[in-house]
Amino acid sequence: MNIDNIGDLFRFAANGVAAQRAADNACKLARNHDPQTSHKAAKQVSVFANNHHRKIYEALQTMKDGTFYEIAERSGLEPSSVWRRLNEMEKDGLIQQTGEERRGPTGRMCRVWRAK
């Protein structure tokens, strides 16, 4: 799936593959014997995921490319939240790896990503 503008991304987030996958996985996030609050929280995962996808995609559009640390700084998300979503977004055809690596703040090499 190619996203040509931010409006397409919002439609994708509302109706797309990532939202459906998150909804399908919600039942896996809470066991039958877990309290009702856990089931309610599991159902909200798709809302958080879609919001993160949107913020990550918008950041990559404005910055050309970046590591998950750089994307996190631009998007206002925690690096761990960005890192968690990148492979999902790649599978959904929103972003791709550039084939480059850059040194992150910890000194380790990080993959560089860009919006499609």
Protein backbone atom coordinates (compact mmCIF):
# COMPACT_ATOMS: atom_id res chain seq x y z
CA MET A 1 0.00 0.00 0.00
CA ASN A 2 1.43 3.37 -0.98
CA ILE A 3 0.51 6.48 0.92
CA ASP A 4 0.75 9.61 -1.25
CA ASN A 5 -0.33 12.24 1.26
CA ILE A 6 -1.14 12.65 4.92
CA GLY A 7 -4.89 12.36 4.21
CA ASP A 8 -4.28 8.88 2.81
CA LEU A 9 -2.35 8.01 5.95
CA PHE A 10 -5.25 9.08 8.19
CA ARG A 11 -7.63 6.91 6.15
CA PHE A 12 -5.14 4.06 6.40
CA ALA A 13 -4.89 4.47 10.16
CA ALA A 14 -8.65 4.53 10.56
CA ASN A 15 -9.48 1.68 8.21
CA GLY A 16 -6.22 -0.01 7.28
CA VAL A 17 -4.23 -3.10 7.83
CA ALA A 18 -2.51 -1.91 11.00
CA ALA A 19 -5.78 -1.07 12.71
CA GLN A 20 -7.23 -4.47 11.82
CA ARG A 21 -4.09 -6.29 12.96
CA ALA A 22 -4.11 -4.44 16.28
CA ALA A 23 -7.79 -5.21 16.79
CA ASP A 24 -7.24 -8.87 15.96
CA ASN A 25 -4.35 -9.04 18.41
CA ALA A 26 -6.25 -7.29 21.22
CA CYS A 27 -7.76 -10.57 22.36
CA LYS A 28 -4.22 -11.99 22.68
CA LEU A 29 -3.20 -9.16 24.98
CA ALA A 30 -5.65 -10.09 27.72
CA ARG A 31 -6.37 -13.60 28.98
CA ASN A 32 -9.90 -14.79 29.70
CA HIS A 33 -9.28 -14.71 33.45
CA ASP A 34 -7.74 -11.20 33.44
CA PRO A 35 -9.75 -8.38 35.02
CA GLN A 36 -12.10 -6.36 32.83
CA THR A 37 -9.73 -3.39 32.96
CA SER A 38 -7.10 -5.47 31.16
CA HIS A 39 -9.57 -6.30 28.40
CA LYS A 40 -10.49 -2.62 28.02
CA ALA A 41 -6.82 -1.65 27.83
CA ALA A 42 -6.14 -4.32 25.20
CA LYS A 43 -8.90 -2.89 23.02
CA GLN A 44 -7.19 0.53 23.11
CA VAL A 45 -3.93 -0.79 21.64
CA SER A 46 -5.04 -0.06 18.07
CA VAL A 47 -5.77 3.57 18.97
CA PHE A 48 -2.26 4.06 20.37
CA ALA A 49 -0.64 2.17 17.49
CA ASN A 50 -2.44 4.23 14.85
CA ASN A 51 -1.53 7.49 16.57
CA HIS A 52 2.11 6.38 16.72
CA HIS A 53 2.08 5.35 13.05
CA ARG A 54 0.76 8.79 12.09
CA LYS A 55 3.37 10.63 14.17
CA ILE A 56 6.21 8.48 12.84
CA TYR A 57 5.09 8.89 9.23
CA GLU A 58 4.71 12.65 9.58
CA ALA A 59 8.18 12.90 11.14
CA LEU A 60 9.75 10.89 8.31
CA GLN A 61 8.01 13.03 5.70
CA THR A 62 9.54 16.19 7.16
CA MET A 63 13.03 14.82 7.78
CA LYS A 64 13.69 12.69 4.64
CA ASP A 65 15.11 9.76 6.66
CA GLY A 66 16.19 8.88 10.17
CA THR A 67 17.06 6.31 12.79
CA PHE A 68 14.48 5.40 15.39
CA TYR A 69 16.21 7.79 17.79
CA GLU A 70 15.99 10.66 15.30
CA ILE A 71 12.38 9.82 14.46
CA ALA A 72 11.53 9.73 18.18
CA GLU A 73 13.04 13.16 18.73
CA ARG A 74 11.12 14.66 15.79
CA SER A 75 7.81 12.92 16.57
CA GLY A 76 7.82 13.47 20.34
CA LEU A 77 7.52 9.73 20.99
CA GLU A 78 9.76 7.60 23.15
CA PRO A 79 12.47 5.76 21.17
CA SER A 80 11.10 2.40 22.33
CA SER A 81 7.64 3.29 20.97
CA VAL A 82 9.10 4.22 17.59
CA TRP A 83 11.31 1.14 17.43
CA ARG A 84 8.30 -1.08 18.18
CA ARG A 85 6.25 0.34 15.28
CA LEU A 86 8.84 0.48 12.47
CA ASN A 87 8.60 -3.17 11.39
CA GLU A 88 4.78 -2.99 11.43
CA MET A 89 4.88 0.09 9.24
CA GLU A 90 7.38 -1.54 6.87
CA LYS A 91 5.14 -4.60 6.49
CA ASP A 92 2.20 -2.27 5.76
CA GLY A 93 4.19 -0.54 3.01
CA LEU A 94 4.36 2.87 4.68
CA ILE A 95 8.10 3.09 5.23
CA GLN A 96 11.25 1.35 4.09
CA GLN A 97 14.84 0.90 5.17
CA THR A 98 17.36 2.92 3.20
CA GLY A 99 20.13 0.34 3.53
CA GLU A 100 22.19 2.86 5.50
CA GLU A 101 23.15 2.77 9.16
CA ARG A 102 24.01 5.61 11.55
CA ARG A 103 25.50 5.60 14.99
CA GLY A 104 22.90 6.26 17.68
CA PRO A 105 23.40 8.06 20.99
CA THR A 106 24.46 4.80 22.66
CA GLY A 107 27.21 4.28 20.08
CA ARG A 108 25.45 1.34 18.43
CA MET A 109 24.64 1.35 14.73
CA CYS A 110 20.97 1.92 13.85
CA ARG A 111 19.08 1.29 10.63
CA VAL A 112 17.92 4.35 8.71
CA TRP A 113 14.28 4.55 7.60
CA ARG A 114 12.33 6.71 5.13
CA ALA A 115 8.69 7.21 4.20
CA LYS A 116 7.50 5.65 0.94
